[in-house]
Amino acid sequence: MSTENEGTAVPPAPSAPPVPVESPAASPQATAPEAPTTPFPPVPPGAPEPAPAYAGQAPAYASAGAPEAGRPGAGPGPEAGAWPPPQPPATPAYMYGAGAGAGGAGTGTPWGAAYDQQPKPKSGRGGLFAAVLVAALVAGGLGGGVGYTLAKDHDDSTTSTTVSAAQQAGGDLKRDASTVAGVAARALPSTVTIEAESTSGEGGTGTGFVFDTQGHIVTNNHVVADAVDGGKLTATFPNGKKYDAEIVGHAQGYDVAVIKLKNAPSDLQPLTLGDSDRVAVGDSTIAIGAPFGLSNTVTTGIISAKNRPVASSDGSASSKASYMSALQTDASINPGNSGGPLLDAAGNVIGINSAIQSSNSGGLGTGQSGSIGLGFAIPINQAKYVAQQLIKTGKPVYARIGASVGTGPDSTGGAQISDKSTQTPEPVEAGGPAAAAGLKPGDVITRLDDHVIDSGPTLIGEIWTHKPGDKVQLTYERDGKSKTVELTLGSRVGDN
């Protein structure tokens, strides 16, 4: 599978033009159902009958644009005692603007546009008291959930009242540590947004996370690639503190890099590393990053596949492909999530978000497309080993079998040992692990341990999940016959 490093794709990723998301058309606002009413208590003998109150009748203080009779500027109104009172329009006028009717017809302004709000008229004390009384009775009938308070203004000319609702606590807002919010609260302070800039001013944004208390930050190689040759690096924490940083080491083949903060703070909290070998399909995942520059973004999903062979590139002419046996997740990952942690439900790092499968236009994927639910992360067990080597020596160490295999699009059905090699004098290195195990040019490797090998990139990705010195079982075919051999992996230092 060939994918892209968060926005810059390599062939032959399938593509399709992005579909713009249309804004939903404004729809008529449904008329609210009548609220239940609570009857008045019995009237004592001889007392005057109270005026009836009707469910849904707006109190005087809540009607904008309907001045009371007798006040300056008041227009004609309904007759006293007339019922039912005029119903408000199905859709507020400010929703569409002047001239718009129900459903948005007309020439008014769209939803969200400014509108001329009419000043609220002052209401009479008696009408307001009646409205508050009705509201209080209804609230009492519903269990007394809302209380009302009357505050009188002792003014010589007018007397006004204010209604306020006593806010009730919405329950305990303390979130359990095992929730996504709890995990995010612990992990976010240990993630950074990385900005890399080359000497020519080009660059981009990615993510990283605190690896140790000395100020080492783990991220992707393609995140910091622009700053490798004398460029500038900065790392910004969610609290806004920004630090200059330098590259400690980078591994292009693994797509892993380590940077170190200059003048690192003393209170760094490294994220806990999990065990990617124990991850199961269906496990919950939490991704943290800066998609499209939006720092400190948290998304969730599951592990949708394991051991997914992925060859990725940043798309530049000088870029070499990275190979991984990746964790696949449907957590939303976009350009800028690169280098960020992929967490399990307990908040342990199980992978480094590195690549996405995109569906953008052009067939070859030349733009920054968004997530389609296929994200890939480098397993943390592999990334941890690489990071430790980079901190120790500044150079990556790769496991190898000492044979060249085809990596082109026609490399299917297994990993065939090449007849010629562009990297070594011979396709099977003399004295190397493959030669010692009896492999020859033309042999097709079909399995490594219990993993099916269907191509050259798949074989490379599986080999690189191991360390030099590990013993593996290789199954290969020659002249229609299958044979399994054991070999001890060799090592190669550096990317060249």
Protein backbone atom coordinates (compact mmCIF):
# COMPACT_ATOMS: atom_id res chain seq x y z
CA MET A 1 0.00 0.00 0.00
CA SER A 2 1.33 3.38 -0.90
CA THR A 3 0.18 6.32 1.16
CA GLU A 4 1.03 9.89 1.91
CA ASN A 5 2.67 11.59 4.86
CA GLU A 6 -0.27 13.68 6.04
CA GLY A 7 -1.08 15.59 2.92
CA THR A 8 1.61 14.89 0.35
CA ALA A 9 0.90 11.66 -1.44
CA VAL A 10 2.88 9.10 -3.40
CA PRO A 11 1.55 6.98 -6.24
CA PRO A 12 -0.45 4.87 -6.69
CA ALA A 13 -2.93 6.08 -4.11
CA PRO A 14 -6.48 6.07 -5.50
CA SER A 15 -7.99 9.50 -5.83
CA ALA A 16 -11.25 11.30 -6.22
CA PRO A 17 -12.05 15.00 -6.23
CA PRO A 18 -13.02 16.32 -2.84
CA VAL A 19 -16.72 16.88 -2.42
CA PRO A 20 -17.59 20.29 -1.00
CA VAL A 21 -19.84 20.22 1.99
CA GLU A 22 -22.95 22.26 1.30
CA SER A 23 -24.44 24.34 4.01
CA PRO A 24 -27.86 22.98 4.94
CA ALA A 25 -30.71 25.17 3.77
CA ALA A 26 -32.60 27.00 6.42
CA SER A 27 -35.82 25.25 7.23
CA PRO A 28 -39.01 26.55 8.72
CA GLN A 29 -38.98 26.60 12.44
CA ALA A 30 -41.51 24.24 13.85
CA THR A 31 -44.18 25.62 16.08
CA ALA A 32 -43.46 24.68 19.66
CA PRO A 33 -46.00 22.35 21.26
CA GLU A 34 -48.19 23.77 23.95
CA ALA A 35 -46.69 23.60 27.40
CA PRO A 36 -48.71 21.82 30.06
CA THR A 37 -50.55 24.09 32.45
CA THR A 38 -51.25 23.84 36.10
CA PRO A 39 -54.65 25.03 37.37
CA PHE A 40 -54.95 27.86 39.87
CA PRO A 41 -55.78 26.89 43.42
CA PRO A 42 -59.47 27.18 44.40
CA VAL A 43 -60.70 30.75 44.87
CA PRO A 44 -61.97 31.47 48.38
CA PRO A 45 -65.68 32.36 48.60
CA GLY A 46 -66.27 36.03 47.90
CA ALA A 47 -62.85 36.61 46.30
CA PRO A 48 -62.75 37.92 42.71
CA GLU A 49 -62.06 35.43 39.94
CA PRO A 50 -58.45 35.67 38.64
CA ALA A 51 -57.95 36.30 34.97
CA PRO A 52 -57.34 33.07 33.06
CA ALA A 53 -53.78 32.29 31.92
CA TYR A 54 -53.14 30.24 28.83
CA ALA A 55 -50.25 27.90 28.06
CA GLY A 56 -48.05 29.36 25.37
CA GLN A 57 -49.15 32.99 25.99
CA ALA A 58 -45.99 35.09 25.99
CA PRO A 59 -45.52 37.29 29.07
CA ALA A 60 -45.43 40.99 28.40
CA TYR A 61 -41.72 41.38 29.13
CA ALA A 62 -40.80 38.72 26.57
CA SER A 63 -42.48 40.25 23.50
CA ALA A 64 -40.10 42.38 21.47
CA GLY A 65 -41.66 44.73 18.97
CA ALA A 66 -45.16 44.70 20.54
CA PRO A 67 -45.57 47.91 22.62
CA GLU A 68 -48.28 48.00 25.23
CA ALA A 69 -51.44 49.94 24.54
CA GLY A 70 -51.41 53.46 25.88
CA ARG A 71 -47.66 53.88 25.53
CA PRO A 72 -46.16 56.28 23.02
CA GLY A 73 -45.80 54.70 19.62
CA ALA A 74 -48.09 51.81 20.42
CA GLY A 75 -50.06 50.55 17.47
CA PRO A 76 -53.44 48.90 17.42
CA GLY A 77 -53.54 45.69 19.41
CA PRO A 78 -55.99 42.92 20.12
CA GLU A 79 -59.12 43.70 22.02
CA ALA A 80 -58.95 43.25 25.73
CA GLY A 81 -59.93 39.74 26.63
CA ALA A 82 -59.85 38.56 23.02
CA TRP A 83 -58.78 34.95 22.55
CA PRO A 84 -56.78 33.43 21.13
CA PRO A 85 -54.13 36.15 21.01
CA PRO A 86 -52.27 36.63 17.71
CA GLN A 87 -49.71 33.84 17.18
CA PRO A 88 -46.08 34.80 16.57
CA PRO A 89 -44.69 34.04 13.09
CA ALA A 90 -43.50 30.45 12.58
CA THR A 91 -40.00 31.72 11.89
CA PRO A 92 -38.45 34.69 13.68
CA ALA A 93 -37.94 37.64 11.37
CA TYR A 94 -34.25 37.87 12.18
CA MET A 95 -33.68 34.42 10.74
CA TYR A 96 -34.12 35.57 7.18
CA GLY A 97 -34.35 39.35 7.29
CA ALA A 98 -37.02 41.69 6.04
CA GLY A 99 -39.19 40.32 3.28
CA ALA A 100 -38.52 36.65 4.03
CA GLY A 101 -41.38 34.35 4.74
CA ALA A 102 -41.64 30.94 6.35
CA GLY A 103 -39.15 28.51 4.98
CA GLY A 104 -36.74 31.22 3.97
CA ALA A 105 -38.57 32.50 0.88
CA GLY A 106 -38.14 36.12 -0.02
CA THR A 107 -35.24 38.47 -0.40
CA GLY A 108 -34.14 38.82 3.21
CA THR A 109 -30.68 38.33 4.62
CA PRO A 110 -29.50 34.79 5.50
CA TRP A 111 -29.29 33.20 8.95
CA GLY A 112 -26.69 34.88 11.07
CA ALA A 113 -26.87 38.27 9.36
CA ALA A 114 -27.38 41.44 11.40
CA TYR A 115 -30.91 42.59 12.01
CA ASP A 116 -32.62 45.69 13.45
CA GLN A 117 -33.66 44.70 16.92
CA GLN A 118 -36.61 46.68 18.24
CA PRO A 119 -36.22 48.14 21.72
CA LYS A 120 -38.04 46.21 24.40
CA PRO A 121 -40.98 48.14 25.88
CA LYS A 122 -41.23 48.53 29.58
CA SER A 123 -43.92 46.35 31.01
CA GLY A 124 -46.47 47.18 33.63
CA ARG A 125 -45.99 45.86 37.11
CA GLY A 126 -49.36 44.11 37.23
CA GLY A 127 -48.94 42.22 33.95
CA LEU A 128 -45.46 41.13 34.89
CA PHE A 129 -46.61 39.91 38.29
CA ALA A 130 -49.33 37.82 36.67
CA ALA A 131 -46.84 36.30 34.24
CA VAL A 132 -44.40 35.48 37.02
CA LEU A 133 -47.21 33.92 39.05
CA VAL A 134 -48.23 31.67 36.16
CA ALA A 135 -44.61 30.68 35.55
CA ALA A 136 -44.13 29.94 39.23
CA LEU A 137 -47.23 27.75 39.27
CA VAL A 138 -46.11 25.82 36.21
CA ALA A 139 -42.66 25.36 37.71
CA GLY A 140 -44.24 24.13 40.90
CA GLY A 141 -46.32 21.63 38.95
CA LEU A 142 -43.13 20.31 37.33
CA GLY A 143 -41.49 19.68 40.65
CA GLY A 144 -40.21 23.09 41.62
CA GLY A 145 -37.14 22.83 39.39
CA VAL A 146 -36.91 26.58 38.79
CA GLY A 147 -37.30 29.33 41.34
CA TYR A 148 -38.17 32.92 40.61
CA THR A 149 -37.22 36.01 42.54
CA LEU A 150 -38.83 39.42 42.36
CA ALA A 151 -36.56 42.37 42.91
CA LYS A 152 -38.27 45.74 43.32
CA ASP A 153 -36.64 48.96 42.26
CA HIS A 154 -37.70 51.74 44.62
CA ASP A 155 -37.84 54.53 42.05
CA ASP A 156 -40.14 57.53 42.56
CA SER A 157 -41.41 57.57 38.98
CA THR A 158 -41.48 53.92 37.90
CA THR A 159 -41.24 50.54 39.50
CA SER A 160 -39.60 47.68 37.59
CA THR A 161 -39.12 44.05 38.40
CA THR A 162 -36.41 41.62 37.41
CA VAL A 163 -36.82 37.88 37.01
CA SER A 164 -33.84 35.61 37.49
CA ALA A 165 -33.63 31.83 37.39
CA ALA A 166 -31.66 30.13 40.13
CA GLN A 167 -29.03 28.06 38.35
CA GLN A 168 -28.98 24.46 39.45
CA ALA A 169 -25.75 22.46 39.37
CA GLY A 170 -25.69 20.09 36.39
CA GLY A 171 -24.19 17.23 38.34
CA ASP A 172 -20.60 16.50 39.25
CA LEU A 173 -18.32 17.82 36.49
CA LYS A 174 -15.35 15.77 37.66
CA ARG A 175 -14.53 13.40 34.81
CA ASP A 176 -13.30 9.89 35.42
CA ALA A 177 -9.66 9.32 34.52
CA SER A 178 -10.63 6.51 32.15
CA THR A 179 -12.82 8.71 29.94
CA VAL A 180 -11.53 10.30 26.75
CA ALA A 181 -11.63 13.67 28.50
CA GLY A 182 -9.60 12.27 31.38
CA VAL A 183 -6.99 10.74 29.06
CA ALA A 184 -6.75 13.93 27.02
CA ALA A 185 -6.33 16.06 30.14
CA ARG A 186 -3.30 13.98 31.15
CA ALA A 187 -1.74 13.64 27.71
CA LEU A 188 -2.17 17.12 26.24
CA PRO A 189 0.37 18.85 28.53
CA SER A 190 3.01 16.44 27.18
CA THR A 191 2.36 17.05 23.47
CA VAL A 192 3.86 19.85 21.40
CA THR A 193 3.17 21.52 18.09
CA ILE A 194 6.35 21.55 16.02
CA GLU A 195 7.15 24.19 13.43
CA ALA A 196 10.04 23.41 11.08
CA GLU A 197 11.48 26.00 8.72
CA SER A 198 14.25 25.60 6.17
CA THR A 199 16.94 28.17 5.46
CA SER A 200 14.88 29.29 2.45
CA GLY A 201 11.83 29.94 4.62
CA GLU A 202 9.84 26.87 3.61
CA GLY A 203 8.37 24.61 6.24
CA GLY A 204 5.35 23.12 7.89
CA THR A 205 3.65 22.09 11.10
CA GLY A 206 3.56 18.75 12.86
CA THR A 207 3.29 17.24 16.32
CA GLY A 208 5.53 15.51 18.84
CA PHE A 209 5.41 14.24 22.41
CA VAL A 210 7.69 14.29 25.44
CA PHE A 211 9.88 11.17 25.52
CA ASP A 212 11.94 11.83 28.66
CA THR A 213 12.62 14.44 31.33
CA GLN A 214 15.78 15.65 29.55
CA GLY A 215 13.71 17.41 26.90
CA HIS A 216 13.74 14.84 24.09
CA ILE A 217 10.68 14.98 21.84
CA VAL A 218 9.74 12.13 19.48
CA THR A 219 8.14 12.94 16.13
CA ASN A 220 8.25 11.94 12.44
CA ASN A 221 11.26 12.43 10.22
CA HIS A 222 9.14 14.18 7.59
CA VAL A 223 7.96 16.71 10.20
CA VAL A 224 11.49 18.02 10.80
CA ALA A 225 12.99 17.32 7.35
CA ASP A 226 12.89 21.00 6.31
CA ALA A 227 15.06 21.97 9.28
CA VAL A 228 17.72 19.26 8.89
CA ASP A 229 20.33 21.40 7.16
CA GLY A 230 20.55 24.51 9.31
CA GLY A 231 16.86 25.29 9.51
CA LYS A 232 14.84 26.43 12.51
CA LEU A 233 12.74 24.33 14.87
CA THR A 234 10.32 25.37 17.59
CA ALA A 235 8.04 23.38 19.88
CA THR A 236 4.99 24.92 21.52
CA PHE A 237 3.14 23.37 24.47
CA PRO A 238 -0.62 23.69 25.00
CA ASN A 239 0.00 26.28 27.73
CA GLY A 240 1.53 28.56 25.11
CA LYS A 241 5.17 28.16 26.16
CA LYS A 242 7.40 27.99 23.12
CA TYR A 243 10.93 26.57 22.96
CA ASP A 244 13.63 26.49 20.33
CA ALA A 245 14.76 22.96 19.52
CA GLU A 246 17.48 21.08 17.66
CA ILE A 247 17.52 17.78 15.81
CA VAL A 248 19.23 14.98 17.74
CA GLY A 249 18.82 12.37 15.00
CA HIS A 250 16.45 11.31 12.25
CA ALA A 251 15.71 8.05 10.45
CA GLN A 252 14.21 8.47 7.01
CA GLY A 253 13.49 4.78 6.49
CA TYR A 254 11.63 4.46 9.79
CA ASP A 255 10.17 8.00 9.51
CA VAL A 256 11.16 8.67 13.12
CA ALA A 257 13.06 11.66 14.49
CA VAL A 258 14.11 12.96 17.89
CA ILE A 259 14.51 16.64 18.69
CA LYS A 260 15.60 18.25 21.96
CA LEU A 261 14.27 21.40 23.57
CA LYS A 262 16.76 24.15 24.30
CA ASN A 263 16.48 25.33 27.91
CA ALA A 264 13.95 22.58 28.59
CA PRO A 265 11.73 23.08 31.64
CA SER A 266 12.37 20.92 34.69
CA ASP A 267 8.78 19.73 35.07
CA LEU A 268 8.41 17.72 31.86
CA GLN A 269 6.09 14.73 32.11
CA PRO A 270 6.93 12.00 29.55
CA LEU A 271 4.00 10.06 28.16
CA THR A 272 3.76 6.43 29.22
CA LEU A 273 4.67 4.02 26.44
CA GLY A 274 2.42 1.03 25.88
CA ASP A 275 3.04 -2.33 24.19
CA SER A 276 2.04 -2.22 20.53
CA ASP A 277 2.47 -5.99 20.19
CA ARG A 278 -0.51 -6.51 22.49
CA VAL A 279 -2.86 -4.16 20.64
CA ALA A 280 -5.96 -5.87 19.23
CA VAL A 281 -8.24 -4.91 16.37
CA GLY A 282 -11.18 -3.06 17.87
CA ASP A 283 -9.22 -1.45 20.72
CA SER A 284 -10.11 2.19 21.32
CA THR A 285 -7.65 4.83 20.12
CA ILE A 286 -7.11 8.52 20.86
CA ALA A 287 -5.04 10.69 18.51
CA ILE A 288 -3.57 14.05 19.45
CA GLY A 289 -2.14 16.51 16.97
CA ALA A 290 -2.37 19.76 15.07
CA PRO A 291 -4.44 18.98 11.95
CA PHE A 292 -4.09 21.80 9.44
CA GLY A 293 -2.33 23.79 12.16
CA LEU A 294 -5.15 23.46 14.72
CA SER A 295 -3.03 22.60 17.74
CA ASN A 296 -4.11 20.37 20.62
CA THR A 297 -6.82 18.57 18.66
CA VAL A 298 -8.10 15.27 20.05
CA THR A 299 -9.87 12.65 17.92
CA THR A 300 -11.00 9.12 18.72
CA GLY A 301 -11.49 5.83 16.93
CA ILE A 302 -10.40 2.20 17.05
CA ILE A 303 -7.61 0.00 15.78
CA SER A 304 -9.09 -1.08 12.46
CA ALA A 305 -6.20 -3.32 11.36
CA LYS A 306 -2.71 -4.41 12.39
CA ASN A 307 0.48 -5.16 10.48
CA ARG A 308 -0.66 -3.05 7.56
CA PRO A 309 2.21 -2.76 5.04
CA VAL A 310 2.67 0.93 4.23
CA ALA A 311 5.20 2.70 2.05
CA SER A 312 4.97 6.45 2.46
CA SER A 313 6.77 9.55 1.27
CA ASP A 314 6.55 13.29 1.69
CA GLY A 315 6.38 13.66 -2.10
CA SER A 316 9.56 15.65 -2.59
CA ALA A 317 11.97 14.74 -5.37
CA SER A 318 14.76 13.89 -2.93
CA SER A 319 12.54 11.93 -0.57
CA LYS A 320 13.07 8.22 -0.04
CA ALA A 321 10.20 6.00 0.96
CA SER A 322 9.55 4.98 4.54
CA TYR A 323 8.32 1.47 5.26
CA MET A 324 6.26 0.33 8.19
CA SER A 325 4.12 -2.52 9.37
CA ALA A 326 1.57 -0.07 10.65
CA LEU A 327 -1.28 0.13 13.08
CA GLN A 328 -4.34 1.25 11.12
CA THR A 329 -6.88 3.49 12.85
CA ASP A 330 -10.05 5.29 11.89
CA ALA A 331 -9.37 8.11 14.34
CA SER A 332 -9.42 11.29 12.27
CA ILE A 333 -5.83 12.05 11.22
CA ASN A 334 -5.02 14.96 8.91
CA PRO A 335 -1.96 16.93 7.77
CA GLY A 336 -0.38 18.26 10.97
CA ASN A 337 -1.19 15.16 13.04
CA SER A 338 2.14 13.68 11.90
CA GLY A 339 4.41 12.78 14.79
CA GLY A 340 1.65 12.96 17.38
CA PRO A 341 0.86 10.13 19.79
CA LEU A 342 -1.75 7.47 19.15
CA LEU A 343 -2.98 6.47 22.61
CA ASP A 344 -4.91 3.51 23.92
CA ALA A 345 -7.93 3.87 26.21
CA ALA A 346 -5.65 4.10 29.26
CA GLY A 347 -3.55 6.91 27.79
CA ASN A 348 -0.49 4.82 26.87
CA VAL A 349 1.29 5.62 23.62
CA ILE A 350 0.86 2.69 21.20
CA GLY A 351 1.98 4.42 18.01
CA ILE A 352 3.19 7.55 16.23
CA ASN A 353 0.71 8.94 13.71
CA SER A 354 2.56 9.06 10.44
CA ALA A 355 0.53 8.61 7.24
CA ILE A 356 -2.94 8.68 5.76
CA GLN A 357 -4.60 7.11 2.76
CA SER A 358 -6.15 9.97 0.83
CA SER A 359 -8.77 10.30 -1.84
CA ASN A 360 -7.89 13.56 -3.52
CA SER A 361 -8.02 14.66 -7.13
CA GLY A 362 -5.45 14.04 -9.81
CA GLY A 363 -4.85 10.35 -9.26
CA LEU A 364 -1.38 10.91 -7.79
CA GLY A 365 -2.50 12.96 -4.79
CA THR A 366 -0.71 16.28 -4.99
CA GLY A 367 -2.77 18.29 -2.48
CA GLN A 368 -3.46 18.22 1.22
CA SER A 369 -6.57 16.12 1.42
CA GLY A 370 -8.44 15.27 4.58
CA SER A 371 -9.04 12.11 6.54
CA ILE A 372 -11.16 9.35 5.04
CA GLY A 373 -10.80 7.15 8.11
CA LEU A 374 -7.58 5.39 7.07
CA GLY A 375 -4.71 6.55 9.24
CA PHE A 376 -1.47 4.70 9.92
CA ALA A 377 0.80 4.80 12.94
CA ILE A 378 4.30 3.44 13.53
CA PRO A 379 4.05 0.84 16.33
CA ILE A 380 5.59 2.28 19.48
CA ASN A 381 7.74 -0.79 20.17
CA GLN A 382 9.60 -0.09 16.93
CA ALA A 383 9.63 3.68 17.40
CA LYS A 384 10.97 3.36 20.95
CA TYR A 385 13.96 1.30 19.78
CA VAL A 386 14.68 3.78 16.97
CA ALA A 387 14.39 6.80 19.29
CA GLN A 388 16.77 5.24 21.81
CA GLN A 389 19.33 4.62 19.07
CA LEU A 390 19.01 8.20 17.81
CA ILE A 391 19.51 9.62 21.31
CA LYS A 392 22.47 7.33 21.90
CA THR A 393 24.36 7.72 18.60
CA GLY A 394 22.43 10.21 16.47
CA LYS A 395 22.06 7.58 13.73
CA PRO A 396 19.42 4.92 13.04
CA VAL A 397 20.21 1.20 13.00
CA TYR A 398 18.26 -1.03 10.62
CA ALA A 399 17.80 -4.80 10.66
CA ARG A 400 18.56 -6.45 7.30
CA ILE A 401 18.77 -9.84 5.56
CA GLY A 402 21.51 -8.91 3.10
CA ALA A 403 19.46 -9.23 -0.09
CA SER A 404 17.81 -6.79 -2.49
CA VAL A 405 14.12 -7.22 -3.31
CA GLY A 406 11.84 -5.46 -5.77
CA THR A 407 9.72 -2.61 -4.40
CA GLY A 408 7.87 -1.49 -7.54
CA PRO A 409 4.11 -1.67 -8.14
CA ASP A 410 4.56 -5.02 -9.93
CA SER A 411 6.14 -6.50 -6.80
CA THR A 412 3.20 -8.68 -5.82
CA GLY A 413 2.71 -12.30 -4.83
CA GLY A 414 5.78 -12.16 -2.62
CA ALA A 415 9.14 -10.43 -2.28
CA GLN A 416 11.37 -11.58 -5.11
CA ILE A 417 15.11 -11.34 -4.66
CA SER A 418 16.39 -9.17 -7.49
CA ASP A 419 18.71 -10.35 -10.21
CA LYS A 420 20.56 -7.04 -9.94
CA SER A 421 21.07 -4.56 -7.14
CA THR A 422 21.55 -0.80 -7.26
CA GLN A 423 22.67 -0.60 -3.64
CA THR A 424 25.09 -3.49 -3.25
CA PRO A 425 27.56 -5.16 -5.63
CA GLU A 426 25.45 -8.31 -5.61
CA PRO A 427 21.69 -8.83 -5.04
CA VAL A 428 22.59 -11.39 -2.36
CA GLU A 429 25.43 -10.04 -0.24
CA ALA A 430 28.30 -12.45 0.09
CA GLY A 431 28.57 -13.68 3.65
CA GLY A 432 25.32 -11.95 4.64
CA PRO A 433 22.36 -13.53 6.44
CA ALA A 434 20.46 -14.42 3.25
CA ALA A 435 23.51 -16.00 1.64
CA ALA A 436 24.24 -17.97 4.82
CA ALA A 437 20.64 -19.28 4.72
CA GLY A 438 21.04 -20.40 1.09
CA LEU A 439 18.84 -17.79 -0.65
CA LYS A 440 19.58 -16.90 -4.28
CA PRO A 441 18.48 -14.30 -6.83
CA GLY A 442 15.02 -15.14 -8.18
CA ASP A 443 13.79 -16.72 -4.93
CA VAL A 444 10.38 -15.39 -3.85
CA ILE A 445 9.97 -14.86 -0.10
CA THR A 446 6.34 -15.55 0.92
CA ARG A 447 6.43 -15.55 4.74
CA LEU A 448 8.43 -14.07 7.60
CA ASP A 449 7.60 -15.94 10.78
CA ASP A 450 3.78 -16.06 10.78
CA HIS A 451 3.29 -12.95 8.58
CA VAL A 452 2.34 -13.34 4.92
CA ILE A 453 4.72 -11.47 2.61
CA ASP A 454 2.97 -10.27 -0.54
CA SER A 455 5.48 -7.67 -1.79
CA GLY A 456 8.92 -6.19 -1.31
CA PRO A 457 7.69 -3.25 0.83
CA THR A 458 5.82 -5.70 3.07
CA LEU A 459 9.01 -7.68 3.66
CA ILE A 460 11.03 -4.53 4.44
CA GLY A 461 8.37 -3.27 6.85
CA GLU A 462 8.28 -6.61 8.68
CA ILE A 463 12.07 -6.87 8.90
CA TRP A 464 12.25 -3.37 10.37
CA THR A 465 9.93 -4.32 13.21
CA HIS A 466 12.82 -6.49 14.46
CA LYS A 467 16.22 -5.66 15.87
CA PRO A 468 19.58 -6.70 14.49
CA GLY A 469 20.50 -10.12 15.89
CA ASP A 470 16.90 -11.40 16.02
CA LYS A 471 16.31 -14.85 14.53
CA VAL A 472 13.46 -15.16 12.03
CA GLN A 473 11.91 -17.89 9.91
CA LEU A 474 11.81 -17.18 6.16
CA THR A 475 9.67 -19.19 3.76
CA TYR A 476 10.54 -18.88 0.08
CA GLU A 477 9.70 -20.52 -3.24
CA ARG A 478 12.19 -21.73 -5.85
CA ASP A 479 11.30 -23.66 -8.99
CA GLY A 480 7.75 -24.21 -7.70
CA LYS A 481 8.90 -25.68 -4.40
CA SER A 482 8.55 -24.06 -0.95
CA LYS A 483 11.23 -24.13 1.72
CA THR A 484 11.59 -22.55 5.18
CA VAL A 485 14.94 -21.49 6.65
CA GLU A 486 16.10 -19.67 9.77
CA LEU A 487 18.40 -16.70 9.58
CA THR A 488 19.84 -14.14 11.96
CA LEU A 489 19.21 -10.53 10.99
CA GLY A 490 22.19 -8.34 10.32
CA SER A 491 22.46 -4.56 10.79
CA ARG A 492 23.00 -1.38 8.85
CA VAL A 493 23.85 1.99 10.39
CA GLY A 494 22.49 5.17 8.85
CA ASP A 495 20.10 5.91 6.01
CA ASN A 496 22.65 5.57 3.21
